[in-house]
N, C-alpha and C. Protein backbone atom coordinates (compact mmCIF):
# COMPACT_ATOMS: atom_id res chain seq x y z
N MET A 1 0.85 -1.17 0.00
CA MET A 1 0.00 0.00 0.00
C MET A 1 0.90 1.24 0.00
N ASP A 2 0.58 2.18 -0.88
CA ASP A 2 1.40 3.38 -0.98
C ASP A 2 0.93 4.47 -0.01
N LEU A 3 1.67 5.55 0.04
CA LEU A 3 1.38 6.64 0.97
C LEU A 3 -0.04 7.16 0.79
N GLY A 4 -0.45 7.41 -0.45
CA GLY A 4 -1.78 7.93 -0.71
C GLY A 4 -2.87 7.02 -0.21
N ALA A 5 -2.70 5.72 -0.42
CA ALA A 5 -3.71 4.75 0.03
C ALA A 5 -3.76 4.71 1.56
N ARG A 6 -2.61 4.83 2.22
CA ARG A 6 -2.58 4.83 3.70
C ARG A 6 -3.28 6.08 4.25
N ILE A 7 -3.05 7.23 3.60
CA ILE A 7 -3.71 8.46 4.04
C ILE A 7 -5.23 8.31 3.87
N ARG A 8 -5.65 7.80 2.72
CA ARG A 8 -7.08 7.61 2.45
C ARG A 8 -7.70 6.65 3.47
N GLN A 9 -7.01 5.53 3.73
CA GLN A 9 -7.52 4.53 4.68
C GLN A 9 -7.65 5.14 6.08
N ALA A 10 -6.63 5.88 6.51
CA ALA A 10 -6.66 6.51 7.84
C ALA A 10 -7.76 7.57 7.90
N ARG A 11 -7.94 8.32 6.82
CA ARG A 11 -8.98 9.35 6.78
C ARG A 11 -10.36 8.73 6.88
N LEU A 12 -10.58 7.66 6.14
CA LEU A 12 -11.88 6.99 6.18
C LEU A 12 -12.13 6.36 7.55
N ALA A 13 -11.06 5.84 8.18
CA ALA A 13 -11.20 5.26 9.52
C ALA A 13 -11.62 6.31 10.54
N GLU A 14 -11.26 7.56 10.28
CA GLU A 14 -11.65 8.68 11.16
C GLU A 14 -12.97 9.29 10.74
N ASN A 15 -13.61 8.73 9.71
CA ASN A 15 -14.88 9.25 9.17
C ASN A 15 -14.75 10.71 8.73
N LEU A 16 -13.64 11.02 8.08
CA LEU A 16 -13.41 12.38 7.60
C LEU A 16 -13.52 12.42 6.08
N SER A 17 -14.03 13.52 5.60
CA SER A 17 -13.98 13.79 4.17
C SER A 17 -12.60 14.36 3.86
N GLN A 18 -12.28 14.45 2.58
CA GLN A 18 -11.01 15.10 2.23
C GLN A 18 -11.00 16.54 2.73
N GLU A 19 -12.13 17.20 2.60
CA GLU A 19 -12.24 18.58 3.06
C GLU A 19 -12.05 18.67 4.58
N GLY A 20 -12.65 17.73 5.32
CA GLY A 20 -12.50 17.71 6.77
C GLY A 20 -11.05 17.49 7.18
N LEU A 21 -10.37 16.58 6.49
CA LEU A 21 -8.95 16.34 6.78
C LEU A 21 -8.13 17.58 6.45
N ALA A 22 -8.44 18.22 5.32
CA ALA A 22 -7.70 19.42 4.92
C ALA A 22 -7.85 20.52 5.98
N ARG A 23 -9.09 20.71 6.47
CA ARG A 23 -9.30 21.73 7.52
C ARG A 23 -8.54 21.37 8.79
N ARG A 24 -8.66 20.10 9.19
CA ARG A 24 -8.02 19.67 10.44
C ARG A 24 -6.49 19.76 10.35
N ALA A 25 -5.94 19.47 9.16
CA ALA A 25 -4.49 19.48 8.99
C ALA A 25 -3.95 20.85 8.58
N ASP A 26 -4.86 21.78 8.31
CA ASP A 26 -4.48 23.12 7.87
C ASP A 26 -3.66 23.07 6.58
N VAL A 27 -4.16 22.26 5.64
CA VAL A 27 -3.59 22.20 4.29
C VAL A 27 -4.75 22.37 3.32
N SER A 28 -4.43 22.58 2.05
CA SER A 28 -5.51 22.77 1.07
C SER A 28 -6.15 21.44 0.70
N LEU A 29 -7.39 21.52 0.25
CA LEU A 29 -8.11 20.34 -0.22
C LEU A 29 -7.36 19.71 -1.39
N ASN A 30 -6.77 20.56 -2.23
CA ASN A 30 -5.99 20.09 -3.38
C ASN A 30 -4.81 19.22 -2.93
N VAL A 31 -4.14 19.62 -1.84
CA VAL A 31 -3.00 18.84 -1.33
C VAL A 31 -3.47 17.47 -0.86
N VAL A 32 -4.56 17.41 -0.11
CA VAL A 32 -5.08 16.13 0.37
C VAL A 32 -5.44 15.25 -0.82
N SER A 33 -6.14 15.80 -1.78
CA SER A 33 -6.55 15.03 -2.95
C SER A 33 -5.34 14.50 -3.71
N ARG A 34 -4.37 15.35 -3.94
CA ARG A 34 -3.17 14.94 -4.69
C ARG A 34 -2.35 13.92 -3.91
N LEU A 35 -2.29 14.08 -2.56
CA LEU A 35 -1.57 13.08 -1.74
C LEU A 35 -2.23 11.71 -1.88
N GLU A 36 -3.54 11.67 -1.75
CA GLU A 36 -4.26 10.39 -1.81
C GLU A 36 -4.15 9.75 -3.19
N ARG A 37 -4.07 10.55 -4.25
CA ARG A 37 -3.97 10.00 -5.60
C ARG A 37 -2.53 9.67 -5.99
N GLY A 38 -1.58 9.97 -5.07
CA GLY A 38 -0.18 9.66 -5.35
C GLY A 38 0.48 10.63 -6.30
N LEU A 39 -0.07 11.81 -6.45
CA LEU A 39 0.49 12.81 -7.36
C LEU A 39 1.62 13.62 -6.72
N ILE A 40 1.72 13.56 -5.40
CA ILE A 40 2.84 14.21 -4.69
C ILE A 40 3.72 13.07 -4.20
N GLU A 41 4.84 12.86 -4.88
CA GLU A 41 5.68 11.71 -4.57
C GLU A 41 6.53 11.89 -3.31
N ASP A 42 7.01 13.10 -3.08
CA ASP A 42 7.85 13.35 -1.91
C ASP A 42 7.31 14.59 -1.19
N PRO A 43 6.26 14.41 -0.38
CA PRO A 43 5.64 15.57 0.27
C PRO A 43 6.59 16.21 1.28
N HIS A 44 6.36 17.49 1.51
CA HIS A 44 7.16 18.21 2.50
C HIS A 44 6.91 17.61 3.88
N VAL A 45 7.94 17.56 4.69
CA VAL A 45 7.84 16.95 6.02
C VAL A 45 6.76 17.61 6.86
N SER A 46 6.67 18.93 6.81
CA SER A 46 5.66 19.62 7.64
C SER A 46 4.25 19.28 7.17
N THR A 47 4.06 19.11 5.86
CA THR A 47 2.74 18.73 5.33
C THR A 47 2.38 17.34 5.82
N LEU A 48 3.29 16.43 5.68
CA LEU A 48 3.04 15.06 6.11
C LEU A 48 2.78 14.99 7.61
N THR A 49 3.52 15.77 8.38
CA THR A 49 3.33 15.79 9.84
C THR A 49 1.95 16.33 10.19
N ARG A 50 1.53 17.42 9.52
CA ARG A 50 0.21 17.99 9.80
C ARG A 50 -0.90 17.01 9.45
N VAL A 51 -0.77 16.32 8.32
CA VAL A 51 -1.78 15.34 7.92
C VAL A 51 -1.82 14.19 8.92
N ALA A 52 -0.64 13.71 9.31
CA ALA A 52 -0.58 12.59 10.27
C ALA A 52 -1.19 13.00 11.61
N GLU A 53 -0.83 14.17 12.11
CA GLU A 53 -1.39 14.63 13.39
C GLU A 53 -2.90 14.80 13.30
N ALA A 54 -3.38 15.28 12.17
CA ALA A 54 -4.83 15.45 11.99
C ALA A 54 -5.53 14.09 12.05
N LEU A 55 -4.81 13.05 11.67
CA LEU A 55 -5.36 11.69 11.72
C LEU A 55 -5.05 11.00 13.04
N GLY A 56 -4.31 11.69 13.92
CA GLY A 56 -3.96 11.11 15.23
C GLY A 56 -2.89 10.05 15.14
N LEU A 57 -2.02 10.17 14.14
CA LEU A 57 -0.98 9.16 13.91
C LEU A 57 0.40 9.79 13.85
N PRO A 58 1.44 9.03 14.20
CA PRO A 58 2.79 9.53 13.95
C PRO A 58 3.05 9.50 12.44
N PRO A 59 3.81 10.44 11.91
CA PRO A 59 3.98 10.52 10.45
C PRO A 59 4.59 9.27 9.83
N TRP A 60 5.45 8.57 10.56
CA TRP A 60 6.07 7.39 9.94
C TRP A 60 5.08 6.28 9.66
N THR A 61 3.93 6.29 10.34
CA THR A 61 2.94 5.25 10.03
C THR A 61 2.36 5.48 8.64
N LEU A 62 2.32 6.75 8.22
CA LEU A 62 1.85 7.03 6.86
C LEU A 62 2.93 6.68 5.85
N VAL A 63 4.19 6.94 6.19
CA VAL A 63 5.29 6.66 5.26
C VAL A 63 5.57 5.16 5.17
N SER A 64 5.66 4.51 6.33
CA SER A 64 6.06 3.10 6.35
C SER A 64 4.89 2.13 6.36
N GLY A 65 3.75 2.60 6.82
CA GLY A 65 2.60 1.71 6.93
C GLY A 65 2.63 0.87 8.19
N LYS A 66 3.62 1.09 9.06
CA LYS A 66 3.73 0.35 10.31
C LYS A 66 3.13 1.17 11.44
N GLY A 67 2.53 0.49 12.38
CA GLY A 67 1.94 1.18 13.53
C GLY A 67 0.57 1.71 13.16
N GLY A 68 0.07 2.55 13.97
CA GLY A 68 -1.24 3.10 13.73
C GLY A 68 -1.93 3.45 15.03
N VAL A 69 -1.18 3.41 16.10
CA VAL A 69 -1.71 3.71 17.42
C VAL A 69 -1.65 5.22 17.63
N PRO A 70 -2.68 5.84 18.19
CA PRO A 70 -2.60 7.27 18.50
C PRO A 70 -1.35 7.57 19.34
N TRP A 71 -0.71 8.66 19.04
CA TRP A 71 0.60 8.96 19.61
C TRP A 71 0.50 10.02 20.69
N PRO A 72 0.98 9.76 21.91
CA PRO A 72 0.84 10.72 23.01
C PRO A 72 1.94 11.77 23.06
N ILE A 73 2.75 11.87 22.02
CA ILE A 73 3.86 12.82 22.01
C ILE A 73 3.53 13.92 21.01
N ASN A 74 3.89 15.14 21.33
CA ASN A 74 3.66 16.27 20.43
C ASN A 74 4.60 16.10 19.23
N LEU A 75 4.03 15.69 18.11
CA LEU A 75 4.84 15.36 16.94
C LEU A 75 5.47 16.59 16.31
N ARG A 76 4.77 17.69 16.30
CA ARG A 76 5.36 18.90 15.71
C ARG A 76 6.58 19.36 16.51
N ALA A 77 6.47 19.30 17.84
CA ALA A 77 7.61 19.68 18.67
C ALA A 77 8.78 18.72 18.45
N LEU A 78 8.48 17.44 18.32
CA LEU A 78 9.52 16.43 18.08
C LEU A 78 10.18 16.68 16.73
N GLU A 79 9.37 16.96 15.72
CA GLU A 79 9.91 17.25 14.39
C GLU A 79 10.83 18.47 14.43
N MET A 80 10.37 19.54 15.08
CA MET A 80 11.18 20.76 15.16
C MET A 80 12.47 20.53 15.92
N GLU A 81 12.39 19.75 16.98
CA GLU A 81 13.58 19.42 17.76
C GLU A 81 14.61 18.72 16.89
N LEU A 82 14.16 17.75 16.10
CA LEU A 82 15.08 17.00 15.24
C LEU A 82 15.62 17.86 14.10
N ILE A 83 14.76 18.68 13.50
CA ILE A 83 15.20 19.52 12.38
C ILE A 83 16.22 20.55 12.86
N GLN A 84 16.09 21.03 14.09
CA GLN A 84 17.08 21.97 14.63
C GLN A 84 18.42 21.29 14.89
N GLU A 85 18.38 19.99 15.15
CA GLU A 85 19.63 19.26 15.41
C GLU A 85 20.43 19.00 14.14
N ARG A 86 19.73 18.67 13.05
CA ARG A 86 20.44 18.38 11.80
C ARG A 86 19.48 18.43 10.62
N ASP A 87 20.04 18.42 9.41
CA ASP A 87 19.25 18.39 8.18
C ASP A 87 18.98 16.95 7.80
N PHE A 88 17.83 16.72 7.19
CA PHE A 88 17.45 15.39 6.75
C PHE A 88 17.35 15.37 5.23
N GLU A 89 17.79 14.28 4.64
CA GLU A 89 17.78 14.14 3.19
C GLU A 89 16.39 13.84 2.64
N SER A 90 15.58 13.15 3.45
CA SER A 90 14.27 12.74 2.95
C SER A 90 13.27 12.65 4.09
N VAL A 91 12.02 12.51 3.72
CA VAL A 91 10.95 12.31 4.69
C VAL A 91 11.17 10.99 5.43
N ASP A 92 11.62 9.98 4.69
CA ASP A 92 11.87 8.67 5.32
C ASP A 92 12.93 8.78 6.42
N GLU A 93 13.98 9.54 6.15
CA GLU A 93 15.06 9.69 7.14
C GLU A 93 14.53 10.42 8.39
N LEU A 94 13.74 11.48 8.19
CA LEU A 94 13.16 12.19 9.32
C LEU A 94 12.18 11.30 10.07
N SER A 95 11.39 10.53 9.32
CA SER A 95 10.42 9.63 9.96
C SER A 95 11.12 8.60 10.83
N GLU A 96 12.22 8.06 10.33
CA GLU A 96 12.98 7.08 11.12
C GLU A 96 13.54 7.74 12.38
N ALA A 97 14.08 8.96 12.25
CA ALA A 97 14.61 9.66 13.42
C ALA A 97 13.48 9.98 14.40
N MET A 98 12.32 10.37 13.88
CA MET A 98 11.19 10.65 14.76
C MET A 98 10.73 9.39 15.47
N ARG A 99 10.74 8.27 14.75
CA ARG A 99 10.34 7.00 15.36
C ARG A 99 11.28 6.64 16.52
N GLU A 100 12.57 6.78 16.27
CA GLU A 100 13.55 6.44 17.32
C GLU A 100 13.43 7.40 18.51
N ARG A 101 13.41 8.71 18.23
CA ARG A 101 13.34 9.69 19.31
C ARG A 101 12.00 9.59 20.02
N GLY A 102 10.93 9.39 19.26
CA GLY A 102 9.61 9.23 19.85
C GLY A 102 9.56 8.03 20.78
N ALA A 103 10.17 6.93 20.35
CA ALA A 103 10.21 5.73 21.20
C ALA A 103 10.98 6.00 22.48
N GLN A 104 12.10 6.72 22.36
CA GLN A 104 12.88 7.07 23.56
C GLN A 104 12.05 7.92 24.52
N LYS A 105 11.38 8.92 23.99
CA LYS A 105 10.57 9.79 24.84
C LYS A 105 9.41 9.02 25.45
N LEU A 106 8.81 8.14 24.65
CA LEU A 106 7.69 7.36 25.14
C LEU A 106 8.14 6.43 26.26
N LEU A 107 9.30 5.79 26.09
CA LEU A 107 9.82 4.92 27.15
C LEU A 107 10.12 5.71 28.42
N LYS A 108 10.68 6.89 28.25
CA LYS A 108 10.94 7.74 29.42
C LYS A 108 9.63 8.12 30.11
N GLN A 109 8.62 8.46 29.30
CA GLN A 109 7.32 8.82 29.86
C GLN A 109 6.72 7.62 30.59
N TYR A 110 6.82 6.43 30.00
CA TYR A 110 6.29 5.24 30.65
C TYR A 110 7.07 4.92 31.93
N ASP A 111 8.39 5.11 31.90
CA ASP A 111 9.19 4.90 33.12
C ASP A 111 8.72 5.85 34.23
N ASN A 112 8.49 7.11 33.86
CA ASN A 112 8.00 8.08 34.85
C ASN A 112 6.63 7.66 35.38
N ASP A 113 5.77 7.21 34.47
CA ASP A 113 4.44 6.76 34.89
C ASP A 113 4.54 5.56 35.82
N ILE A 114 5.42 4.62 35.50
CA ILE A 114 5.59 3.43 36.34
C ILE A 114 6.13 3.82 37.71
N THR A 115 7.09 4.74 37.74
CA THR A 115 7.63 5.21 39.02
C THR A 115 6.53 5.88 39.84
N GLU A 116 5.72 6.71 39.19
CA GLU A 116 4.63 7.39 39.89
C GLU A 116 3.61 6.39 40.42
N LEU A 117 3.27 5.39 39.61
CA LEU A 117 2.33 4.36 40.06
C LEU A 117 2.90 3.53 41.19
N SER A 118 4.19 3.23 41.12
CA SER A 118 4.85 2.48 42.18
C SER A 118 4.82 3.26 43.49
N ASN A 119 5.11 4.55 43.41
CA ASN A 119 5.06 5.40 44.61
C ASN A 119 3.65 5.45 45.18
N LEU A 120 2.67 5.56 44.30
CA LEU A 120 1.28 5.58 44.74
C LEU A 120 0.91 4.26 45.41
N ARG A 121 1.34 3.14 44.81
CA ARG A 121 1.07 1.83 45.40
C ARG A 121 1.68 1.74 46.81
N ASN A 122 2.92 2.20 46.96
CA ASN A 122 3.58 2.16 48.28
C ASN A 122 2.84 3.03 49.28
N THR A 123 2.40 4.21 48.84
CA THR A 123 1.64 5.09 49.72
C THR A 123 0.34 4.42 50.16
N LEU A 124 -0.33 3.78 49.21
CA LEU A 124 -1.59 3.10 49.54
C LEU A 124 -1.35 1.93 50.49
N ARG A 125 -0.26 1.21 50.30
CA ARG A 125 0.07 0.11 51.22
C ARG A 125 0.32 0.63 52.63
N GLU A 126 1.09 1.73 52.72
CA GLU A 126 1.36 2.32 54.03
C GLU A 126 0.06 2.78 54.69
N GLU A 127 -0.82 3.39 53.90
CA GLU A 127 -2.10 3.86 54.44
C GLU A 127 -2.95 2.69 54.90
N ARG A 128 -2.94 1.61 54.12
CA ARG A 128 -3.71 0.43 54.51
C ARG A 128 -3.19 -0.14 55.83
N GLN A 129 -1.85 -0.20 55.98
CA GLN A 129 -1.27 -0.69 57.23
C GLN A 129 -1.65 0.23 58.39
N ARG A 130 -1.61 1.52 58.16
CA ARG A 130 -1.97 2.48 59.21
C ARG A 130 -3.43 2.29 59.61
N ILE A 131 -4.29 2.09 58.62
CA ILE A 131 -5.71 1.90 58.91
C ILE A 131 -5.92 0.61 59.71
N HIS A 132 -5.18 -0.44 59.34
CA HIS A 132 -5.35 -1.71 60.07
C HIS A 132 -4.84 -1.62 61.51
N GLN A 133 -3.97 -0.63 61.79
CA GLN A 133 -3.47 -0.47 63.15
C GLN A 133 -4.44 0.31 64.03
N ILE A 134 -5.38 1.00 63.43
CA ILE A 134 -6.38 1.74 64.20
C ILE A 134 -7.36 0.74 64.79
N PRO A 135 -7.52 0.76 66.11
CA PRO A 135 -8.45 -0.22 66.71
C PRO A 135 -9.89 0.07 66.32
N THR A 136 -10.64 -1.00 66.14
CA THR A 136 -12.07 -0.87 65.83
C THR A 136 -12.80 -0.47 67.11
N PRO A 137 -14.04 0.01 67.00
CA PRO A 137 -14.79 0.35 68.21
C PRO A 137 -14.90 -0.85 69.17
N ARG A 138 -15.10 -2.04 68.64
CA ARG A 138 -15.19 -3.23 69.49
C ARG A 138 -13.87 -3.44 70.25
N GLU A 139 -12.75 -3.28 69.52
CA GLU A 139 -11.45 -3.44 70.18
C GLU A 139 -11.25 -2.36 71.24
N ARG A 140 -11.71 -1.15 70.94
CA ARG A 140 -11.58 -0.07 71.92
C ARG A 140 -12.42 -0.36 73.17
N VAL A 141 -13.63 -0.88 72.99
CA VAL A 141 -14.49 -1.23 74.13
C VAL A 141 -13.82 -2.32 74.95
N ARG A 142 -13.26 -3.33 74.28
CA ARG A 142 -12.56 -4.40 75.02
C ARG A 142 -11.39 -3.84 75.81
N GLU A 143 -10.62 -2.97 75.16
CA GLU A 143 -9.47 -2.36 75.82
C GLU A 143 -9.93 -1.54 77.03
N PHE A 144 -10.97 -0.72 76.83
CA PHE A 144 -11.49 0.09 77.93
C PHE A 144 -12.04 -0.79 79.05
N SER A 145 -12.74 -1.87 78.67
CA SER A 145 -13.27 -2.80 79.68
C SER A 145 -12.15 -3.39 80.51
N GLY A 146 -11.07 -3.77 79.84
CA GLY A 146 -9.92 -4.32 80.56
C GLY A 146 -9.32 -3.31 81.53
N VAL A 147 -9.18 -2.07 81.05
CA VAL A 147 -8.64 -1.02 81.91
C VAL A 147 -9.59 -0.77 83.08
N LEU A 148 -10.90 -0.74 82.79
CA LEU A 148 -11.90 -0.51 83.83
C LEU A 148 -11.87 -1.63 84.86
N MET A 149 -11.77 -2.88 84.42
CA MET A 149 -11.71 -4.02 85.35
C MET A 149 -10.48 -3.93 86.24
N ASP A 150 -9.34 -3.57 85.63
CA ASP A 150 -8.11 -3.40 86.42
C ASP A 150 -8.30 -2.30 87.45
N PHE A 151 -8.93 -1.20 87.04
CA PHE A 151 -9.16 -0.09 87.94
C PHE A 151 -10.08 -0.51 89.11
N LEU A 152 -11.17 -1.24 88.77
CA LEU A 152 -12.08 -1.70 89.81
C LEU A 152 -11.39 -2.66 90.79
N GLN A 153 -10.55 -3.51 90.28
CA GLN A 153 -9.81 -4.43 91.15
C GLN A 153 -8.88 -3.65 92.08
N GLN A 154 -8.25 -2.62 91.54
CA GLN A 154 -7.38 -1.80 92.38
C GLN A 154 -8.19 -1.09 93.46
N ILE A 155 -9.40 -0.64 93.11
CA ILE A 155 -10.26 0.01 94.11
C ILE A 155 -10.61 -0.98 95.22
N GLU A 156 -10.97 -2.20 94.85
CA GLU A 156 -11.29 -3.23 95.85
C GLU A 156 -10.11 -3.49 96.77
N ILE A 157 -8.94 -3.56 96.20
CA ILE A 157 -7.74 -3.81 97.02
C ILE A 157 -7.53 -2.66 97.98
N VAL A 158 -7.68 -1.44 97.48
CA VAL A 158 -7.50 -0.26 98.33
C VAL A 158 -8.57 -0.24 99.41
N GLU A 159 -9.83 -0.56 99.08
CA GLU A 159 -10.91 -0.56 100.07
C GLU A 159 -10.64 -1.60 101.16
N ARG A 160 -10.19 -2.82 100.79
CA ARG A 160 -9.89 -3.84 101.79
C ARG A 160 -8.77 -3.38 102.72
N ALA A 161 -7.77 -2.74 102.09
CA ALA A 161 -6.66 -2.26 102.91
C ALA A 161 -7.14 -1.18 103.87
N LEU A 162 -8.01 -0.30 103.41
CA LEU A 162 -8.54 0.75 104.27
C LEU A 162 -9.41 0.16 105.38
N GLU A 163 -10.21 -0.87 105.05
CA GLU A 163 -11.05 -1.51 106.07
C GLU A 163 -10.19 -2.12 107.17
N LYS A 164 -9.09 -2.74 106.77
CA LYS A 164 -8.20 -3.33 107.78
C LYS A 164 -7.61 -2.24 108.66
N VAL A 165 -7.21 -1.17 108.05
CA VAL A 165 -6.56 -0.10 108.81
C VAL A 165 -7.56 0.62 109.68
N SER A 166 -8.75 0.90 109.21
CA SER A 166 -9.72 1.69 109.96
C SER A 166 -10.67 0.85 110.80
N GLY A 167 -10.53 -0.42 110.71
CA GLY A 167 -11.39 -1.28 111.51
C GLY A 167 -12.81 -1.31 110.99
N GLY A 168 -13.05 -1.22 109.70
CA GLY A 168 -14.39 -1.35 109.14
C GLY A 168 -15.08 -0.05 108.87
N HIS A 169 -14.48 1.12 109.22
CA HIS A 169 -15.12 2.42 108.98
C HIS A 169 -14.52 3.03 107.70
N VAL A 170 -15.18 2.78 106.57
CA VAL A 170 -14.65 3.28 105.29
C VAL A 170 -15.73 4.07 104.59
N ASN A 171 -15.38 5.26 104.14
CA ASN A 171 -16.30 6.07 103.34
C ASN A 171 -16.16 5.62 101.89
N HIS A 172 -17.23 5.05 101.35
CA HIS A 172 -17.18 4.52 99.99
C HIS A 172 -17.51 5.54 98.92
N GLY A 173 -17.83 6.72 99.29
CA GLY A 173 -18.14 7.73 98.30
C GLY A 173 -19.29 8.59 98.77
N PRO A 174 -19.66 9.60 98.05
CA PRO A 174 -20.68 10.56 98.47
C PRO A 174 -22.06 9.95 98.52
N ASP A 175 -22.38 8.91 97.72
CA ASP A 175 -23.71 8.34 97.71
C ASP A 175 -23.87 7.17 98.67
N GLU A 176 -22.80 6.74 99.27
CA GLU A 176 -22.87 5.57 100.14
C GLU A 176 -22.74 5.98 101.60
N GLU A 177 -23.35 5.18 102.43
CA GLU A 177 -23.27 5.47 103.87
C GLU A 177 -21.94 5.00 104.42
N VAL A 178 -21.55 5.62 105.47
CA VAL A 178 -20.32 5.21 106.14
C VAL A 178 -20.69 4.09 107.09
N ALA A 179 -19.93 3.02 107.03
CA ALA A 179 -20.22 1.86 107.92
C ALA A 179 -19.85 2.23 109.34
N THR A 180 -20.72 1.82 110.24
CA THR A 180 -20.44 2.06 111.66
C THR A 180 -20.26 0.73 112.33
N GLU A 181 -19.62 0.78 113.49
CA GLU A 181 -19.37 -0.47 114.22
C GLU A 181 -20.66 -1.10 114.67
N GLY A 182 -21.64 -0.35 114.89
CA GLY A 182 -22.88 -0.87 115.44
C GLY A 182 -23.83 -1.36 114.37
N GLY A 183 -23.52 -1.23 113.06
CA GLY A 183 -24.46 -1.71 112.05
C GLY A 183 -24.74 -0.63 111.03
N GLY A 184 -25.72 -0.85 110.19
CA GLY A 184 -26.04 0.06 109.09
C GLY A 184 -26.78 1.26 109.56
N GLY A 185 -26.96 2.17 108.62
CA GLY A 185 -27.55 3.31 109.10
C GLY A 185 -28.60 3.96 108.51
C-alpha cells in the first residue's frame, strides 16, 4: 500500500472527508486530494506531519505503513527538535529519526508513569497498614473494659486495705453510707 492509500484509509477510519482532513491538517483540499492519488511523490515533512497529526498518527505510520496507534507525544515539537539538530535528506530519514526519538521519549514517559504508580502503590500500602493499626470500636471497648476491670480491682484492694486499717469504717463515696461499728444506718 502506498502513501496515498494509507492516508485515504486513515482518513476513512476517522470518518473524515477530504475537506475535513484538509481543515483539520491546515492544508488545502488540493493537497489532500493529490496526496491520496499519489500525485505528490515526496511531500514536505511539515505537510506530512500535519496530515498525520490530523489523523492522530505519527507521520512514519503514513510513510512506512507500520503502527497506527494514537501517539501521546507532540509530533510537531519532536519534528522541530530533530530539524534543529540536523538536516534530513528525505521524509523517510526524518520519519525514522522521529520514530527512534519518539520511542525514547515514550519509554521515558512510561518509566516516569511506572515510578509514579509504584510510589502511589507504596503510599496506599502504608495507608492500609496504618488503617489496620487503628483499633475498631469493638477493640476499643474491650481495651477500655480491661482497663476498667483493672481499675475496679485496684479500688477493691485499696478498700480492703482501708477496712483493715480503719477497723471497718470506710467512706465509699458521696452516695454511700459510712459503715459504723454498730451496724447500718
